[in-house]
């Protein structure tokens, strides 16, 4: 049975990706930050209990991330999908605080760096796939999103560096770049016209499934906009 590690697994997007890989008969290690979120995720996927391992892990901490790897019973890893992330926006560059910059870099870049640093040795044994979730703001920056766009741009650069470093081990690394994702939180402010143009979590989950499977074996180092 193939194995995937998915971060941000309790979010609207992460949950759909977890579901897609469970349905595809993969073993899933689902990483979340909070114990209650882990319990809820386990309950939601009770029929897949033999395939699902929910793990509480603070990816912003290298110690916590490495502890997960040391304590886990993972013997093989075929894919790592990094969904964890977040956004703070609404301020111009001169109004953006250092705290906001650090927060965005921590949740969107450092979490990915720590996860890859811990899991790449496992991927090197057999080869496999790394997939990250970027944001359109990194490719087409907008006003009042400087810290967010910069942190996602750093994530894209990390992904491409992983593709270069992983090539000798048969590791592929790609970044999916959606626009606004159709989530309950975003629907609170989106108009019906807006929502109709957003990317659904299911669409992204299917793209992730393809890239981690046979269909993605020739793709690496790609920045893939998804609508």
Foldseek 3Di string as FASTA:
>chain_A
DAEEEEEPCLFQLNVLLVVVVLVVVAQYEYEDADPVSQVVSCVVPVVSNVRYHYDHFDLLDLVRLLVCVVPDPDPAHAEYEYEWADADWDDAPVPDDPVRLVVRLSGQPSSVVSNCVNCVVRCLVQAHEYEYEAEVCLVVPDGGRVSNNVNSVNVLVVQLVCCVVCVVSNYAGEYEYEYAEDGPVVVVPDDPVRNVPGHYSNQVSVVVVCCRDPNNSVDHSYYHYDD
